[in-house]
Amino acid sequence: MEKTVRIGQFLDGEGRIIQLPKKHGARVAVLSYLAEKFSSNTEYNERQVNDICDSWHTFGDFCLLRRELVDNGLLGREPNGSRYWREAGTDDAAVDSDPADQ
């Protein structure tokens, strides 16, 4: 059974990411939460990925989020960056995103 990671302390009252955790488990949990904002079976271009990332965080670095999503296997990416997609199997992360957990 998976351990649920509470990420509320990393979200604002509107559910936007306010910082990426340093600890790997919490970091992946926050990134999994962000990955849920991407639809399965949908292809995105880089601008669309940037826009989604930008609308779900407050610290002004959508490039970092995009790179972390790809590096952690949550988003797939063509080598030339022309196409992104949500990776299969990222639908069931054990994440508690209640901001009240702060």
C-alpha atoms as a PDB file:
ATOM      1  CA  MET A   1       0.000   0.000   0.000  1.00  0.00           C
ATOM      2  CA  GLU A   2       1.278   3.454  -0.938  1.00  0.00           C
ATOM      3  CA  LYS A   3       1.958   6.069   1.681  1.00  0.00           C
ATOM      4  CA  THR A   4      -0.059   9.236   1.140  1.00  0.00           C
ATOM      5  CA  VAL A   5       2.093  12.353   0.933  1.00  0.00           C
ATOM      6  CA  ARG A   6       0.489  15.559   2.171  1.00  0.00           C
ATOM      7  CA  ILE A   7       1.378  18.485  -0.070  1.00  0.00           C
ATOM      8  CA  GLY A   8      -0.894  21.192   1.341  1.00  0.00           C
ATOM      9  CA  GLN A   9       2.021  23.132   2.782  1.00  0.00           C
ATOM     10  CA  PHE A  10       3.337  23.605  -0.763  1.00  0.00           C
ATOM     11  CA  LEU A  11       0.043  25.000  -2.145  1.00  0.00           C
ATOM     12  CA  ASP A  12      -1.740  28.304  -1.742  1.00  0.00           C
ATOM     13  CA  GLY A  13      -5.449  28.604  -0.958  1.00  0.00           C
ATOM     14  CA  GLU A  14      -6.298  28.231  -4.642  1.00  0.00           C
ATOM     15  CA  GLY A  15      -4.281  25.044  -5.046  1.00  0.00           C
ATOM     16  CA  ARG A  16      -1.335  26.645  -6.856  1.00  0.00           C
ATOM     17  CA  ILE A  17       2.163  25.427  -6.098  1.00  0.00           C
ATOM     18  CA  ILE A  18       4.076  27.979  -4.032  1.00  0.00           C
ATOM     19  CA  GLN A  19       7.379  26.060  -3.895  1.00  0.00           C
ATOM     20  CA  LEU A  20       8.893  22.738  -4.869  1.00  0.00           C
ATOM     21  CA  PRO A  21       9.915  20.634  -1.892  1.00  0.00           C
ATOM     22  CA  LYS A  22      13.551  19.609  -1.524  1.00  0.00           C
ATOM     23  CA  LYS A  23      12.777  16.077  -0.307  1.00  0.00           C
ATOM     24  CA  HIS A  24      12.395  13.747  -3.265  1.00  0.00           C
ATOM     25  CA  GLY A  25       9.166  12.049  -2.152  1.00  0.00           C
ATOM     26  CA  ALA A  26       7.347  15.305  -1.483  1.00  0.00           C
ATOM     27  CA  ARG A  27       8.765  16.840  -4.672  1.00  0.00           C
ATOM     28  CA  VAL A  28       7.436  13.962  -6.785  1.00  0.00           C
ATOM     29  CA  ALA A  29       4.077  14.213  -4.990  1.00  0.00           C
ATOM     30  CA  VAL A  30       3.792  17.920  -5.869  1.00  0.00           C
ATOM     31  CA  LEU A  31       4.813  17.194  -9.456  1.00  0.00           C
ATOM     32  CA  SER A  32       2.242  14.368  -9.628  1.00  0.00           C
ATOM     33  CA  TYR A  33      -0.390  16.849  -8.474  1.00  0.00           C
ATOM     34  CA  LEU A  34       0.650  19.162 -11.316  1.00  0.00           C
ATOM     35  CA  ALA A  35       0.663  16.288 -13.812  1.00  0.00           C
ATOM     36  CA  GLU A  36      -3.007  15.699 -12.970  1.00  0.00           C
ATOM     37  CA  LYS A  37      -3.733  19.067 -14.619  1.00  0.00           C
ATOM     38  CA  PHE A  38      -2.845  17.490 -17.983  1.00  0.00           C
ATOM     39  CA  SER A  39      -5.423  15.319 -19.732  1.00  0.00           C
ATOM     40  CA  SER A  40      -4.593  11.737 -20.600  1.00  0.00           C
ATOM     41  CA  ASN A  41      -4.590  10.874 -24.299  1.00  0.00           C
ATOM     42  CA  THR A  42      -3.918  14.504 -25.243  1.00  0.00           C
ATOM     43  CA  GLU A  43      -0.861  15.887 -26.987  1.00  0.00           C
ATOM     44  CA  TYR A  44       0.466  19.309 -26.044  1.00  0.00           C
ATOM     45  CA  ASN A  45       2.962  21.632 -27.628  1.00  0.00           C
ATOM     46  CA  GLU A  46       5.578  23.354 -25.465  1.00  0.00           C
ATOM     47  CA  ARG A  47       3.594  26.572 -25.203  1.00  0.00           C
ATOM     48  CA  GLN A  48       0.525  24.698 -23.932  1.00  0.00           C
ATOM     49  CA  VAL A  49       2.638  22.892 -21.330  1.00  0.00           C
ATOM     50  CA  ASN A  50       4.154  26.200 -20.247  1.00  0.00           C
ATOM     51  CA  ASP A  51       0.706  27.795 -19.962  1.00  0.00           C
ATOM     52  CA  ILE A  52      -0.646  24.967 -17.802  1.00  0.00           C
ATOM     53  CA  CYS A  53       2.428  24.998 -15.577  1.00  0.00           C
ATOM     54  CA  ASP A  54       2.303  28.780 -15.347  1.00  0.00           C
ATOM     55  CA  SER A  55      -1.324  28.795 -14.231  1.00  0.00           C
ATOM     56  CA  TRP A  56      -0.687  26.247 -11.438  1.00  0.00           C
ATOM     57  CA  HIS A  57       2.235  27.863  -9.603  1.00  0.00           C
ATOM     58  CA  THR A  58       3.158  31.199  -8.041  1.00  0.00           C
ATOM     59  CA  PHE A  59       6.964  31.323  -8.096  1.00  0.00           C
ATOM     60  CA  GLY A  60       7.468  32.271 -11.756  1.00  0.00           C
ATOM     61  CA  ASP A  61       9.482  29.337 -13.141  1.00  0.00           C
ATOM     62  CA  PHE A  62       7.310  27.264 -15.478  1.00  0.00           C
ATOM     63  CA  CYS A  63      10.460  26.024 -17.260  1.00  0.00           C
ATOM     64  CA  LEU A  64      11.641  24.349 -14.059  1.00  0.00           C
ATOM     65  CA  LEU A  65       8.257  22.673 -13.632  1.00  0.00           C
ATOM     66  CA  ARG A  66       8.164  21.487 -17.246  1.00  0.00           C
ATOM     67  CA  ARG A  67      11.666  20.041 -16.977  1.00  0.00           C
ATOM     68  CA  GLU A  68      10.899  18.362 -13.637  1.00  0.00           C
ATOM     69  CA  LEU A  69       7.701  16.806 -15.016  1.00  0.00           C
ATOM     70  CA  VAL A  70       9.656  15.290 -17.903  1.00  0.00           C
ATOM     71  CA  ASP A  71      12.688  14.287 -15.815  1.00  0.00           C
ATOM     72  CA  ASN A  72      10.457  12.512 -13.292  1.00  0.00           C
ATOM     73  CA  GLY A  73       8.567  10.599 -15.969  1.00  0.00           C
ATOM     74  CA  LEU A  74       5.245  12.359 -15.459  1.00  0.00           C
ATOM     75  CA  LEU A  75       5.179  13.966 -18.899  1.00  0.00           C
ATOM     76  CA  GLY A  76       6.596  12.422 -22.036  1.00  0.00           C
ATOM     77  CA  ARG A  77       8.425  14.593 -24.543  1.00  0.00           C
ATOM     78  CA  GLU A  78       9.655  14.190 -28.093  1.00  0.00           C
ATOM     79  CA  PRO A  79      13.440  14.705 -28.273  1.00  0.00           C
ATOM     80  CA  ASN A  80      12.948  17.896 -30.295  1.00  0.00           C
ATOM     81  CA  GLY A  81      10.354  19.284 -27.853  1.00  0.00           C
ATOM     82  CA  SER A  82       7.609  19.364 -30.481  1.00  0.00           C
ATOM     83  CA  ARG A  83       5.167  17.234 -28.527  1.00  0.00           C
ATOM     84  CA  TYR A  84       4.400  16.463 -24.875  1.00  0.00           C
ATOM     85  CA  TRP A  85       1.893  14.076 -23.307  1.00  0.00           C
ATOM     86  CA  ARG A  86       0.901  12.813 -19.884  1.00  0.00           C
ATOM     87  CA  GLU A  87       2.613   9.487 -19.268  1.00  0.00           C
ATOM     88  CA  ALA A  88       0.479   6.396 -18.710  1.00  0.00           C
ATOM     89  CA  GLY A  89       0.236   5.238 -15.118  1.00  0.00           C
ATOM     90  CA  THR A  90       0.404   8.696 -13.548  1.00  0.00           C
ATOM     91  CA  ASP A  91      -3.314   8.785 -12.769  1.00  0.00           C
ATOM     92  CA  ASP A  92      -3.256   7.203  -9.325  1.00  0.00           C
ATOM     93  CA  ALA A  93      -0.715   9.063  -7.235  1.00  0.00           C
ATOM     94  CA  ALA A  94      -1.370   8.969  -3.489  1.00  0.00           C
ATOM     95  CA  VAL A  95      -1.428  12.696  -2.817  1.00  0.00           C
ATOM     96  CA  ASP A  96      -3.408  14.714  -0.291  1.00  0.00           C
ATOM     97  CA  SER A  97      -3.561  18.247  -1.714  1.00  0.00           C
ATOM     98  CA  ASP A  98      -5.696  19.870   0.969  1.00  0.00           C
ATOM     99  CA  PRO A  99      -4.183  23.332   1.621  1.00  0.00           C
ATOM    100  CA  ALA A 100      -5.597  23.066   5.153  1.00  0.00           C
ATOM    101  CA  ASP A 101      -2.789  20.599   5.906  1.00  0.00           C
ATOM    102  CA  GLN A 102      -0.448  23.534   6.335  1.00  0.00           C
END
